[in-house]
Amino acid sequence: MDETVVLYITELSDAGENQRERAQRLSEAGRHLLAFGLGDLYGITSLPVISKNENGKPFFKDHPDIHFNISHSGLTAVCAIAYVTVGVDIQEKSRCPDRIIRRFGGEELYKRYEDADNREDFFLSWWTREESYAKYLGSTLAVCIGGEKKHCSFWQTRLRNGCFCTVCTERKIAVQIKEL
């Protein structure tokens, strides 16, 4: 695999299930994307055992050169696969971005949010950046939020279905999207 993060995306149909059942289905979709991506990129036909480091970041013990991260929101699941450490986050519209920004971002960020031309994009860009960075580090959002983002690069886009997506890697590299 070259210097590219491959971002696999799938959107599930609305099956009318409860929130817990939907979360389970999205989790399974994320693992399916990971298995598909490993076959697509590396010819690996069965999902290797997933281990977790001391901070809970998932990795393949038998394939330390393959890095991945999974996220889901609404009815969308994504899986980023790369040759470098990667974190990914997606987020559909939030019901209360004002409260979230004020609580986690502080007054200075809240002022920038209030002054933004597009508050929804401002919030989604900021939130997914924070989440993807925490996942890149294998840490918790509480530890990472608001601090300086060192030794990394971000790539952001709004997906066709409206979800906002951010990929965090250790340096600037290309992102290729594959929708399934």
Protein backbone atom coordinates (compact mmCIF):
# COMPACT_ATOMS: atom_id res chain seq x y z
CA MET A 1 0.00 0.00 0.00
CA ASP A 2 1.37 3.43 -0.90
CA GLU A 3 1.23 6.66 1.07
CA THR A 4 -2.55 6.77 1.19
CA VAL A 5 -5.20 6.34 3.84
CA VAL A 6 -8.07 4.33 2.38
CA LEU A 7 -11.41 5.30 3.87
CA TYR A 8 -14.11 2.66 3.44
CA ILE A 9 -17.66 3.94 3.91
CA THR A 10 -21.04 2.26 4.12
CA GLU A 11 -24.47 3.63 4.86
CA LEU A 12 -27.00 1.30 6.41
CA SER A 13 -30.71 1.38 5.74
CA ASP A 14 -32.99 2.42 8.57
CA ALA A 15 -34.30 -0.83 10.06
CA GLY A 16 -36.36 0.90 12.75
CA GLU A 17 -34.42 -0.75 15.56
CA ASN A 18 -33.71 0.78 18.95
CA GLN A 19 -30.51 2.73 19.62
CA ARG A 20 -28.67 -0.26 21.13
CA GLU A 21 -29.53 -2.54 18.19
CA ARG A 22 -28.47 0.16 15.72
CA ALA A 23 -25.15 0.65 17.53
CA GLN A 24 -24.54 -3.11 17.32
CA ARG A 25 -25.35 -3.15 13.61
CA LEU A 26 -23.03 -0.17 13.00
CA SER A 27 -20.25 -1.87 14.95
CA GLU A 28 -20.66 -4.98 12.82
CA ALA A 29 -20.63 -2.82 9.67
CA GLY A 30 -17.34 -1.25 10.81
CA ARG A 31 -15.76 -4.68 11.29
CA HIS A 32 -17.09 -5.73 7.87
CA LEU A 33 -15.45 -2.67 6.31
CA LEU A 34 -12.20 -3.54 8.06
CA ALA A 35 -12.30 -7.15 6.83
CA PHE A 36 -13.18 -6.02 3.32
CA GLY A 37 -10.37 -3.43 3.33
CA LEU A 38 -7.78 -5.94 4.47
CA GLY A 39 -8.73 -8.20 1.59
CA ASP A 40 -8.83 -5.32 -0.86
CA LEU A 41 -5.47 -3.83 0.14
CA TYR A 42 -3.42 -6.75 1.44
CA GLY A 43 -5.12 -9.94 0.25
CA ILE A 44 -5.85 -10.92 3.87
CA THR A 45 -8.91 -13.17 3.67
CA SER A 46 -9.88 -13.44 7.34
CA LEU A 47 -9.94 -10.74 9.98
CA PRO A 48 -6.84 -11.06 12.20
CA VAL A 49 -7.14 -11.02 15.97
CA ILE A 50 -7.58 -7.45 17.19
CA SER A 51 -5.61 -6.51 20.31
CA LYS A 52 -5.70 -3.25 22.26
CA ASN A 53 -2.80 -1.23 23.62
CA GLU A 54 -2.67 0.11 27.19
CA ASN A 55 -4.91 3.03 26.19
CA GLY A 56 -7.45 0.85 24.39
CA LYS A 57 -6.37 1.64 20.80
CA PRO A 58 -7.02 -1.41 18.60
CA PHE A 59 -4.22 -2.95 16.55
CA PHE A 60 -3.20 -6.19 14.87
CA LYS A 61 -0.47 -7.91 16.88
CA ASP A 62 0.40 -10.10 13.89
CA HIS A 63 0.36 -7.18 11.42
CA PRO A 64 1.98 -4.20 13.21
CA ASP A 65 2.48 -2.38 9.89
CA ILE A 66 -1.28 -2.18 9.23
CA HIS A 67 -3.08 0.60 11.09
CA PHE A 68 -6.83 1.10 11.22
CA ASN A 69 -9.60 2.95 12.98
CA ILE A 70 -13.40 2.72 12.82
CA SER A 71 -16.14 5.27 13.50
CA HIS A 72 -19.88 5.50 13.04
CA SER A 73 -22.66 8.03 13.42
CA GLY A 74 -26.30 7.98 12.45
CA LEU A 75 -26.53 5.20 9.85
CA THR A 76 -22.98 5.57 8.51
CA ALA A 77 -19.88 3.53 9.35
CA VAL A 78 -16.33 4.26 8.19
CA CYS A 79 -13.05 2.42 8.47
CA ALA A 80 -9.68 4.07 7.78
CA ILE A 81 -6.77 1.76 6.89
CA ALA A 82 -3.23 3.08 6.53
CA TYR A 83 0.45 2.25 6.81
CA VAL A 84 0.75 4.96 9.51
CA THR A 85 -1.09 5.50 12.78
CA VAL A 86 -4.58 6.76 12.01
CA GLY A 87 -7.66 8.04 13.80
CA VAL A 88 -11.02 8.69 12.14
CA ASP A 89 -14.27 10.22 13.30
CA ILE A 90 -17.58 10.94 11.61
CA GLN A 91 -20.49 12.89 12.99
CA GLU A 92 -23.94 13.62 11.70
CA LYS A 93 -25.69 16.81 12.75
CA SER A 94 -25.72 17.41 16.48
CA ARG A 95 -28.83 18.39 18.37
CA CYS A 96 -27.06 20.76 20.75
CA PRO A 97 -23.68 21.96 19.44
CA ASP A 98 -23.98 25.21 21.45
CA ARG A 99 -23.91 23.33 24.77
CA ILE A 100 -21.16 20.94 23.64
CA ILE A 101 -18.86 23.72 22.46
CA ARG A 102 -19.45 25.81 25.58
CA ARG A 103 -18.84 22.80 27.85
CA PHE A 104 -15.79 21.30 26.14
CA GLY A 105 -14.33 24.15 24.08
CA GLY A 106 -14.46 27.05 26.50
CA GLU A 107 -15.50 30.65 26.00
CA GLU A 108 -12.90 31.56 23.35
CA LEU A 109 -13.94 28.71 21.07
CA TYR A 110 -17.60 29.45 21.77
CA LYS A 111 -17.07 33.04 20.60
CA ARG A 112 -15.48 31.78 17.36
CA TYR A 113 -18.45 29.42 16.96
CA GLU A 114 -20.93 32.28 17.43
CA ASP A 115 -19.06 34.37 14.81
CA ALA A 116 -18.81 31.54 12.25
CA ASP A 117 -20.62 31.92 8.94
CA ASN A 118 -21.75 28.31 9.15
CA ARG A 119 -22.04 27.19 12.78
CA GLU A 120 -22.90 23.59 11.89
CA ASP A 121 -19.76 23.17 9.78
CA PHE A 122 -17.67 24.92 12.44
CA PHE A 123 -18.94 22.58 15.14
CA LEU A 124 -18.64 19.39 13.07
CA SER A 125 -15.13 20.30 11.90
CA TRP A 126 -13.99 21.03 15.46
CA TRP A 127 -15.69 18.03 17.07
CA THR A 128 -14.50 15.41 14.56
CA ARG A 129 -11.00 16.89 14.69
CA GLU A 130 -10.91 16.46 18.47
CA GLU A 131 -12.33 12.92 18.30
CA SER A 132 -10.04 11.77 15.47
CA TYR A 133 -7.01 13.11 17.34
CA ALA A 134 -7.98 11.25 20.51
CA LYS A 135 -8.45 8.05 18.47
CA TYR A 136 -5.14 8.65 16.67
CA LEU A 137 -3.37 8.83 20.03
CA GLY A 138 -5.40 5.98 21.49
CA SER A 139 -6.49 8.25 24.30
CA THR A 140 -9.75 9.61 25.63
CA LEU A 141 -11.45 12.73 24.39
CA ALA A 142 -11.32 14.19 27.90
CA VAL A 143 -7.50 14.05 27.86
CA CYS A 144 -7.09 15.46 24.34
CA ILE A 145 -9.84 18.02 23.91
CA GLY A 146 -8.80 21.60 23.43
CA GLY A 147 -5.07 21.02 23.60
CA GLU A 148 -2.50 21.63 20.92
CA LYS A 149 -2.48 18.94 18.24
CA LYS A 150 1.20 18.00 17.85
CA HIS A 151 2.91 15.76 15.32
CA CYS A 152 -0.14 15.10 13.19
CA SER A 153 -2.09 16.19 10.15
CA PHE A 154 -5.84 16.39 9.51
CA TRP A 155 -7.96 15.75 6.44
CA GLN A 156 -11.65 16.73 6.55
CA THR A 157 -14.67 16.41 4.27
CA ARG A 158 -18.42 16.33 4.34
CA LEU A 159 -19.67 12.99 3.02
CA ARG A 160 -22.47 12.78 0.45
CA ASN A 161 -24.99 11.92 3.17
CA GLY A 162 -24.12 15.03 5.20
CA CYS A 163 -21.91 13.42 7.85
CA PHE A 164 -18.69 15.29 8.53
CA CYS A 165 -15.52 13.17 8.52
CA THR A 166 -12.00 13.84 9.82
CA VAL A 167 -8.94 11.63 9.42
CA CYS A 168 -5.88 12.24 11.63
CA THR A 169 -2.45 10.82 10.71
CA GLU A 170 1.12 11.46 11.79
CA ARG A 171 1.86 13.43 8.62
CA LYS A 172 0.02 14.77 5.59
CA ILE A 173 -0.92 11.96 3.23
CA ALA A 174 -3.61 11.41 0.63
CA VAL A 175 -7.03 9.96 1.48
CA GLN A 176 -8.88 7.71 -0.96
CA ILE A 177 -12.59 7.11 -0.40
CA LYS A 178 -14.21 3.78 -1.29
CA GLU A 179 -17.96 3.56 -0.77
CA LEU A 180 -19.49 0.12 -0.34
